[in-house]
C-alpha atoms as a PDB file:
ATOM      1  CA  MET A   1      99.924 139.124 217.920  1.00  0.00           C
ATOM      2  CA  ARG A   2     100.870 142.897 215.722  1.00  0.00           C
ATOM      3  CA  LYS A   3     103.277 140.745 213.706  1.00  0.00           C
ATOM      4  CA  TYR A   4     100.639 138.454 212.676  1.00  0.00           C
ATOM      5  CA  ILE A   5      97.792 141.297 212.076  1.00  0.00           C
ATOM      6  CA  ALA A   6      99.659 143.057 209.462  1.00  0.00           C
ATOM      7  CA  LEU A   7     101.266 139.968 207.843  1.00  0.00           C
ATOM      8  CA  VAL A   8      97.054 138.865 206.983  1.00  0.00           C
ATOM      9  CA  LEU A   9      96.696 142.829 205.794  1.00  0.00           C
ATOM     10  CA  ALA A  10      99.574 142.578 203.627  1.00  0.00           C
ATOM     11  CA  LEU A  11      98.333 139.615 201.776  1.00  0.00           C
ATOM     12  CA  THR A  12      95.031 141.362 201.640  1.00  0.00           C
ATOM     13  CA  CYS A  13      96.363 144.304 199.529  1.00  0.00           C
ATOM     14  CA  MET A  14      98.278 141.565 197.604  1.00  0.00           C
ATOM     15  CA  LEU A  15      95.222 140.160 196.890  1.00  0.00           C
ATOM     16  CA  ALA A  16      93.143 143.284 195.548  1.00  0.00           C
ATOM     17  CA  LEU A  17      96.054 144.642 193.553  1.00  0.00           C
ATOM     18  CA  VAL A  18      96.162 141.410 191.368  1.00  0.00           C
ATOM     19  CA  GLY A  19      92.217 141.714 190.695  1.00  0.00           C
ATOM     20  CA  CYS A  20      92.408 145.209 189.631  1.00  0.00           C
ATOM     21  CA  SER A  21      94.826 144.174 187.061  1.00  0.00           C
ATOM     22  CA  GLY A  22      92.072 141.984 184.986  1.00  0.00           C
ATOM     23  CA  LYS A  23      92.307 138.367 184.510  1.00  0.00           C
ATOM     24  CA  LEU A  24      95.027 136.186 185.179  1.00  0.00           C
ATOM     25  CA  GLY A  25      96.187 134.149 181.787  1.00  0.00           C
ATOM     26  CA  VAL A  26      94.456 136.307 179.351  1.00  0.00           C
ATOM     27  CA  ASP A  27      96.581 137.071 176.273  1.00  0.00           C
ATOM     28  CA  ALA A  28      95.045 140.844 175.293  1.00  0.00           C
ATOM     29  CA  ASN A  29      96.455 140.314 171.347  1.00  0.00           C
ATOM     30  CA  ALA A  30      94.795 136.733 171.174  1.00  0.00           C
ATOM     31  CA  PRO A  31      92.208 136.906 168.036  1.00  0.00           C
ATOM     32  CA  LYS A  32      88.394 137.039 169.153  1.00  0.00           C
ATOM     33  CA  ASP A  33      86.733 133.460 168.376  1.00  0.00           C
ATOM     34  CA  SER A  34      84.417 133.977 165.409  1.00  0.00           C
ATOM     35  CA  SER A  35      80.656 133.424 165.882  1.00  0.00           C
ATOM     36  CA  PRO A  36      79.153 130.468 165.596  1.00  0.00           C
ATOM     37  CA  GLY A  37      78.452 129.550 162.386  1.00  0.00           C
ATOM     38  CA  GLU A  38      80.206 132.287 160.368  1.00  0.00           C
ATOM     39  CA  ILE A  39      82.681 131.979 158.034  1.00  0.00           C
ATOM     40  CA  PRO A  40      85.986 133.567 158.140  1.00  0.00           C
ATOM     41  CA  PRO A  41      86.624 136.126 155.522  1.00  0.00           C
ATOM     42  CA  SER A  42      89.938 134.603 154.711  1.00  0.00           C
ATOM     43  CA  ASP A  43      88.180 131.140 153.947  1.00  0.00           C
ATOM     44  CA  MET A  44      85.979 132.639 151.686  1.00  0.00           C
ATOM     45  CA  SER A  45      86.646 132.087 147.401  1.00  0.00           C
ATOM     46  CA  THR A  46      86.659 134.921 145.429  1.00  0.00           C
ATOM     47  CA  SER A  47      87.076 133.248 142.384  1.00  0.00           C
ATOM     48  CA  SER A  48      84.360 132.436 139.581  1.00  0.00           C
ATOM     49  CA  GLU A  49      84.611 130.078 136.650  1.00  0.00           C
ATOM     50  CA  ALA A  50      84.465 131.590 133.188  1.00  0.00           C
ATOM     51  CA  ALA A  51      81.348 130.334 131.627  1.00  0.00           C
ATOM     52  CA  GLU A  52      81.608 127.449 129.486  1.00  0.00           C
ATOM     53  CA  ASN A  53      81.841 127.709 125.528  1.00  0.00           C
ATOM     54  CA  LEU A  54      78.547 125.910 124.435  1.00  0.00           C
ATOM     55  CA  SER A  55      80.183 123.996 121.904  1.00  0.00           C
ATOM     56  CA  GLU A  56      82.049 122.279 124.992  1.00  0.00           C
ATOM     57  CA  ILE A  57      79.166 121.365 126.826  1.00  0.00           C
ATOM     58  CA  PRO A  58      77.851 117.694 126.395  1.00  0.00           C
ATOM     59  CA  GLY A  59      74.489 117.611 124.867  1.00  0.00           C
ATOM     60  CA  ALA A  60      74.248 120.944 124.020  1.00  0.00           C
ATOM     61  CA  THR A  61      72.677 122.028 120.499  1.00  0.00           C
ATOM     62  CA  ILE A  62      74.282 124.067 118.330  1.00  0.00           C
ATOM     63  CA  HIS A  63      71.622 125.858 115.956  1.00  0.00           C
ATOM     64  CA  ILE A  64      71.748 129.042 113.668  1.00  0.00           C
ATOM     65  CA  VAL A  65      70.754 132.558 115.142  1.00  0.00           C
ATOM     66  CA  ASP A  66      70.915 134.751 112.489  1.00  0.00           C
ATOM     67  CA  ILE A  67      71.488 134.896 108.878  1.00  0.00           C
ATOM     68  CA  TRP A  68      72.822 137.873 106.619  1.00  0.00           C
ATOM     69  CA  ASP A  69      73.876 139.139 103.783  1.00  0.00           C
ATOM     70  CA  ILE A  70      76.962 141.389 104.364  1.00  0.00           C
ATOM     71  CA  ALA A  71      77.082 142.832 100.496  1.00  0.00           C
ATOM     72  CA  GLU A  72      73.578 144.074 100.818  1.00  0.00           C
ATOM     73  CA  ALA A  73      73.725 145.680 104.166  1.00  0.00           C
ATOM     74  CA  GLU A  74      77.137 147.246 103.759  1.00  0.00           C
ATOM     75  CA  GLN A  75      76.125 148.172 100.152  1.00  0.00           C
ATOM     76  CA  LEU A  76      79.151 146.245  98.708  1.00  0.00           C
ATOM     77  CA  ASP A  77      80.097 145.639  94.921  1.00  0.00           C
ATOM     78  CA  CYS A  78      79.453 141.961  94.260  1.00  0.00           C
ATOM     79  CA  ALA A  79      81.431 140.482  91.111  1.00  0.00           C
ATOM     80  CA  ASP A  80      78.631 140.191  88.276  1.00  0.00           C
ATOM     81  CA  ALA A  81      78.731 136.719  87.475  1.00  0.00           C
ATOM     82  CA  VAL A  82      76.250 133.890  88.273  1.00  0.00           C
ATOM     83  CA  GLU A  83      77.464 131.793  91.180  1.00  0.00           C
ATOM     84  CA  LYS A  84      76.527 128.097  92.139  1.00  0.00           C
ATOM     85  CA  PHE A  85      77.104 127.689  95.915  1.00  0.00           C
ATOM     86  CA  TRP A  86      75.197 124.651  96.250  1.00  0.00           C
ATOM     87  CA  GLU A  87      73.715 121.389  94.756  1.00  0.00           C
ATOM     88  CA  ASP A  88      71.676 118.332  95.998  1.00  0.00           C
ATOM     89  CA  GLU A  89      70.485 115.143  94.651  1.00  0.00           C
ATOM     90  CA  THR A  90      67.129 117.172  92.819  1.00  0.00           C
ATOM     91  CA  ALA A  91      68.184 120.785  91.854  1.00  0.00           C
ATOM     92  CA  GLU A  92      71.389 123.671  91.916  1.00  0.00           C
ATOM     93  CA  TYR A  93      71.276 126.946  93.583  1.00  0.00           C
ATOM     94  CA  TYR A  94      72.676 129.955  92.700  1.00  0.00           C
ATOM     95  CA  PHE A  95      73.423 133.480  93.579  1.00  0.00           C
ATOM     96  CA  SER A  96      72.774 136.371  90.969  1.00  0.00           C
ATOM     97  CA  CYS A  97      76.492 137.339  91.624  1.00  0.00           C
ATOM     98  CA  ILE A  98      79.667 136.324  93.277  1.00  0.00           C
ATOM     99  CA  LYS A  99      78.559 136.615  97.084  1.00  0.00           C
ATOM    100  CA  SER A 100      78.735 133.285  98.764  1.00  0.00           C
ATOM    101  CA  GLN A 101      81.251 135.107 101.200  1.00  0.00           C
ATOM    102  CA  HIS A 102      79.645 137.766 102.029  1.00  0.00           C
ATOM    103  CA  ILE A 103      76.342 135.487 103.295  1.00  0.00           C
ATOM    104  CA  ILE A 104      77.172 135.099 107.160  1.00  0.00           C
ATOM    105  CA  VAL A 105      76.057 132.415 109.487  1.00  0.00           C
ATOM    106  CA  MET A 106      75.919 132.996 113.285  1.00  0.00           C
ATOM    107  CA  ASP A 107      75.139 129.925 115.509  1.00  0.00           C
ATOM    108  CA  SER A 108      74.458 129.753 118.928  1.00  0.00           C
ATOM    109  CA  THR A 109      77.964 129.850 120.345  1.00  0.00           C
ATOM    110  CA  GLY A 110      78.657 133.701 118.993  1.00  0.00           C
ATOM    111  CA  ARG A 111      80.746 131.826 115.863  1.00  0.00           C
ATOM    112  CA  THR A 112      80.295 133.294 112.217  1.00  0.00           C
ATOM    113  CA  ILE A 113      80.888 131.718 108.921  1.00  0.00           C
ATOM    114  CA  ASP A 114      80.110 131.970 105.522  1.00  0.00           C
ATOM    115  CA  ILE A 115      76.579 130.127 103.916  1.00  0.00           C
ATOM    116  CA  VAL A 116      78.962 127.369 102.111  1.00  0.00           C
ATOM    117  CA  THR A 117      81.002 126.104 104.938  1.00  0.00           C
ATOM    118  CA  ALA A 118      77.662 126.179 107.212  1.00  0.00           C
ATOM    119  CA  LEU A 119      75.878 124.318 104.352  1.00  0.00           C
ATOM    120  CA  ASN A 120      79.065 121.520 104.135  1.00  0.00           C
ATOM    121  CA  GLU A 121      79.091 121.377 107.872  1.00  0.00           C
ATOM    122  CA  GLY A 122      75.400 120.391 107.905  1.00  0.00           C
ATOM    123  CA  LEU A 123      74.609 123.975 110.272  1.00  0.00           C
ATOM    124  CA  ALA A 124      72.409 125.377 107.782  1.00  0.00           C
ATOM    125  CA  THR A 125      69.947 124.299 104.958  1.00  0.00           C
ATOM    126  CA  ILE A 126      68.908 125.809 102.091  1.00  0.00           C
ATOM    127  CA  ALA A 127      65.139 126.446 104.205  1.00  0.00           C
ATOM    128  CA  ASP A 128      67.552 128.662 106.245  1.00  0.00           C
ATOM    129  CA  LEU A 129      67.996 130.849 103.822  1.00  0.00           C
ATOM    130  CA  ASP A 130      64.301 130.963 102.924  1.00  0.00           C
ATOM    131  CA  TYR A 131      63.390 131.840 106.796  1.00  0.00           C
ATOM    132  CA  TYR A 132      66.005 134.717 106.873  1.00  0.00           C
ATOM    133  CA  GLY A 133      65.117 136.037 103.446  1.00  0.00           C
ATOM    134  CA  ILE A 134      68.206 135.284 101.680  1.00  0.00           C
ATOM    135  CA  GLU A 135      67.509 135.780  97.822  1.00  0.00           C
ATOM    136  CA  TYR A 136      68.919 132.676  95.666  1.00  0.00           C
ATOM    137  CA  TYR A 137      67.563 131.196  92.403  1.00  0.00           C
ATOM    138  CA  THR A 138      66.885 127.339  91.626  1.00  0.00           C
ATOM    139  CA  GLU A 139      68.004 124.978  89.038  1.00  0.00           C
ATOM    140  CA  PRO A 140      66.116 121.684  88.848  1.00  0.00           C
ATOM    141  CA  LYS A 141      68.188 118.901  87.863  1.00  0.00           C
ATOM    142  CA  LEU A 142      67.139 116.926  84.689  1.00  0.00           C
ATOM    143  CA  GLU A 143      66.887 113.069  84.882  1.00  0.00           C
ATOM    144  CA  VAL A 144      69.415 111.584  82.250  1.00  0.00           C
ATOM    145  CA  VAL A 145      66.902 108.697  80.882  1.00  0.00           C
ATOM    146  CA  GLU A 146      69.204 106.363  78.512  1.00  0.00           C
ATOM    147  CA  PRO A 147      67.228 105.782  75.650  1.00  0.00           C
ATOM    148  CA  HIS A 148      66.121 102.406  74.630  1.00  0.00           C
ATOM    149  CA  VAL A 149      68.701 100.532  72.507  1.00  0.00           C
ATOM    150  CA  SER A 150      67.836  97.220  70.943  1.00  0.00           C
ATOM    151  CA  ILE A 151      71.061  94.657  72.396  1.00  0.00           C
ATOM    152  CA  ALA A 152      72.630  92.481  70.356  1.00  0.00           C
ATOM    153  CA  GLU A 153      72.097  88.691  71.509  1.00  0.00           C
ATOM    154  CA  PHE A 154      75.103  85.985  71.630  1.00  0.00           C
ATOM    155  CA  SER A 155      75.207  82.333  73.065  1.00  0.00           C
ATOM    156  CA  TYR A 156      77.240  82.053  76.237  1.00  0.00           C
ATOM    157  CA  ALA A 157      77.104  78.035  76.056  1.00  0.00           C
ATOM    158  CA  GLU A 158      78.354  78.236  72.474  1.00  0.00           C
ATOM    159  CA  ASP A 159      81.431  80.765  73.140  1.00  0.00           C
ATOM    160  CA  SER A 160      82.696  79.073  76.341  1.00  0.00           C
ATOM    161  CA  ALA A 161      82.612  75.989  74.636  1.00  0.00           C
ATOM    162  CA  ILE A 162      84.803  77.282  71.958  1.00  0.00           C
ATOM    163  CA  TYR A 163      87.444  79.099  74.380  1.00  0.00           C
ATOM    164  CA  VAL A 164      88.053  76.756  76.796  1.00  0.00           C
ATOM    165  CA  GLU A 165      90.774  76.994  79.446  1.00  0.00           C
ATOM    166  CA  GLY A 166      94.203  76.467  78.217  1.00  0.00           C
ATOM    167  CA  ALA A 167      93.441  77.332  74.677  1.00  0.00           C
ATOM    168  CA  PRO A 168      95.696  80.106  73.326  1.00  0.00           C
ATOM    169  CA  GLY A 169      94.387  83.486  73.976  1.00  0.00           C
ATOM    170  CA  VAL A 170      91.893  82.355  76.644  1.00  0.00           C
ATOM    171  CA  LYS A 171      91.949  83.948  80.209  1.00  0.00           C
ATOM    172  CA  THR A 172      89.931  82.073  82.917  1.00  0.00           C
ATOM    173  CA  SER A 173      91.151  83.337  86.215  1.00  0.00           C
ATOM    174  CA  GLY A 174      93.427  86.242  87.647  1.00  0.00           C
ATOM    175  CA  PHE A 175      90.714  89.145  86.743  1.00  0.00           C
ATOM    176  CA  VAL A 176      90.250  92.633  88.027  1.00  0.00           C
ATOM    177  CA  ASN A 177      86.391  92.320  88.462  1.00  0.00           C
ATOM    178  CA  THR A 178      86.140  89.980  91.350  1.00  0.00           C
ATOM    179  CA  SER A 179      83.585  92.476  93.434  1.00  0.00           C
ATOM    180  CA  GLU A 180      79.639  92.410  92.688  1.00  0.00           C
ATOM    181  CA  VAL A 181      78.527  95.559  91.132  1.00  0.00           C
ATOM    182  CA  GLU A 182      75.239  95.579  89.270  1.00  0.00           C
ATOM    183  CA  ILE A 183      75.144  95.522  85.779  1.00  0.00           C
ATOM    184  CA  LYS A 184      72.234  97.930  84.907  1.00  0.00           C
ATOM    185  CA  SER A 185      72.764  98.856  81.188  1.00  0.00           C
ATOM    186  CA  ILE A 186      74.968  98.790  78.435  1.00  0.00           C
ATOM    187  CA  THR A 187      76.754 101.660  79.627  1.00  0.00           C
ATOM    188  CA  ASP A 188      77.213  99.978  83.049  1.00  0.00           C
ATOM    189  CA  ALA A 189      78.730  96.988  81.377  1.00  0.00           C
ATOM    190  CA  ASP A 190      80.978  98.649  78.692  1.00  0.00           C
ATOM    191  CA  GLU A 191      82.397 100.733  81.738  1.00  0.00           C
ATOM    192  CA  ARG A 192      83.286  97.376  83.836  1.00  0.00           C
ATOM    193  CA  ALA A 193      84.918  95.877  81.171  1.00  0.00           C
ATOM    194  CA  MET A 194      87.245  98.287  80.495  1.00  0.00           C
ATOM    195  CA  ASN A 195      88.757  97.777  83.801  1.00  0.00           C
ATOM    196  CA  GLU A 196      90.187  94.289  81.693  1.00  0.00           C
ATOM    197  CA  CYS A 197      91.081  95.823  78.549  1.00  0.00           C
ATOM    198  CA  THR A 198      94.770  95.730  77.766  1.00  0.00           C
ATOM    199  CA  ILE A 199      94.782  96.658  74.222  1.00  0.00           C
ATOM    200  CA  GLU A 200      94.209 100.148  72.118  1.00  0.00           C
ATOM    201  CA  TRP A 201      90.957  99.987  70.973  1.00  0.00           C
ATOM    202  CA  ASP A 202      88.539 102.200  69.033  1.00  0.00           C
ATOM    203  CA  THR A 203      85.385 100.381  68.890  1.00  0.00           C
ATOM    204  CA  ILE A 204      83.179  98.765  71.530  1.00  0.00           C
ATOM    205  CA  ASN A 205      80.196  96.013  70.409  1.00  0.00           C
ATOM    206  CA  THR A 206      78.149  94.612  73.567  1.00  0.00           C
ATOM    207  CA  TYR A 207      76.101  91.508  73.648  1.00  0.00           C
ATOM    208  CA  LEU A 208      73.722  89.814  75.846  1.00  0.00           C
ATOM    209  CA  ASP A 209      73.070  86.361  76.702  1.00  0.00           C
ATOM    210  CA  THR A 210      69.845  86.787  78.651  1.00  0.00           C
ATOM    211  CA  ALA A 211      69.019  83.432  79.737  1.00  0.00           C
ATOM    212  CA  ALA A 212      72.877  83.297  81.108  1.00  0.00           C
ATOM    213  CA  GLY A 213      72.747  86.340  82.375  1.00  0.00           C
ATOM    214  CA  ILE A 214      76.119  87.335  81.091  1.00  0.00           C
ATOM    215  CA  TRP A 215      77.493  90.288  78.907  1.00  0.00           C
ATOM    216  CA  LYS A 216      79.984  89.868  75.912  1.00  0.00           C
ATOM    217  CA  VAL A 217      81.791  93.446  75.580  1.00  0.00           C
ATOM    218  CA  VAL A 218      84.163  92.925  72.410  1.00  0.00           C
ATOM    219  CA  PHE A 219      87.019  96.210  72.205  1.00  0.00           C
ATOM    220  CA  SER A 220      88.737  96.299  68.757  1.00  0.00           C
ATOM    221  CA  THR A 221      90.305  98.436  66.304  1.00  0.00           C
ATOM    222  CA  GLY A 222      88.877  96.840  62.978  1.00  0.00           C
ATOM    223  CA  THR A 223      92.209  94.987  62.528  1.00  0.00           C
ATOM    224  CA  PRO A 224      91.581  91.210  62.093  1.00  0.00           C
ATOM    225  CA  GLY A 225      92.917  89.477  65.141  1.00  0.00           C
ATOM    226  CA  GLY A 226      93.416  92.625  67.311  1.00  0.00           C
ATOM    227  CA  CYS A 227      90.347  92.481  69.733  1.00  0.00           C
ATOM    228  CA  GLN A 228      89.695  91.652  73.078  1.00  0.00           C
ATOM    229  CA  SER A 229      86.397  90.385  74.405  1.00  0.00           C
ATOM    230  CA  VAL A 230      85.382  90.488  78.243  1.00  0.00           C
ATOM    231  CA  TYR A 231      82.659  88.201  79.884  1.00  0.00           C
ATOM    232  CA  LEU A 232      80.369  89.522  82.583  1.00  0.00           C
ATOM    233  CA  ASP A 233      77.615  88.008  84.572  1.00  0.00           C
ATOM    234  CA  TYR A 234      75.066  90.045  86.109  1.00  0.00           C
ATOM    235  CA  VAL A 235      76.844  90.992  89.034  1.00  0.00           C
ATOM    236  CA  GLY A 236      80.141  92.649  87.349  1.00  0.00           C
ATOM    237  CA  LYS A 237      82.376  89.931  87.869  1.00  0.00           C
ATOM    238  CA  THR A 238      84.431  88.557  85.028  1.00  0.00           C
ATOM    239  CA  VAL A 239      84.244  84.836  84.104  1.00  0.00           C
ATOM    240  CA  LEU A 240      86.154  84.750  80.589  1.00  0.00           C
ATOM    241  CA  ILE A 241      88.337  86.790  78.784  1.00  0.00           C
ATOM    242  CA  VAL A 242      89.585  86.472  75.175  1.00  0.00           C
ATOM    243  CA  TYR A 243      92.293  87.933  72.824  1.00  0.00           C
ATOM    244  CA  GLY A 244      92.533  88.112  69.253  1.00  0.00           C
ATOM    245  CA  GLU A 245      89.117  86.351  68.283  1.00  0.00           C
END
């Protein structure tokens, strides 16, 4: 009986000692669980994307933010000569000295270029120079009006009846002028006919058959037989060439 009691006491003491040492199966070095919803610091990104250049953003519009004159701001010398820096259909635009390289344009991306480059790129207009107070002056273009000239007439029907295909010095095919170009004046007809001319010449005589719509341009040197006649229709196509009339 005593042995049984002693055994029970021994087992009771062992259980008490185990309970005092802490929970069984717990690793004291194990990391603590994160709180619900908390992002572990090791998973947080510390990198940031660089801002994109405005010119690379689809749909973004690049515009002017400033134009200034470096020569004026920094009191730089400006070559004493008139400089034409731009022209359009109606006028030519000039600076009073050579300074287009000193007129600086800044766009919304921070890029800076000179005014001539900006105008060529379509970034700037002449109106922008007015807005930013850049001085220049304008020379309007004069419209060149060709004086009225009486055009000598001829009969294409008569000429084509004489200069038939196969006759000496007559060419009816293989022309240079085969595309359409509107002929509005004697100058247009002469310049177009020059494409077909194959002789040396010092004189041009131009005729028109208004009914047929045919021009006749005669190149010559004053020497008998040393001429070439080019016949053009109203859209600039060559229809006949005659040599040595």
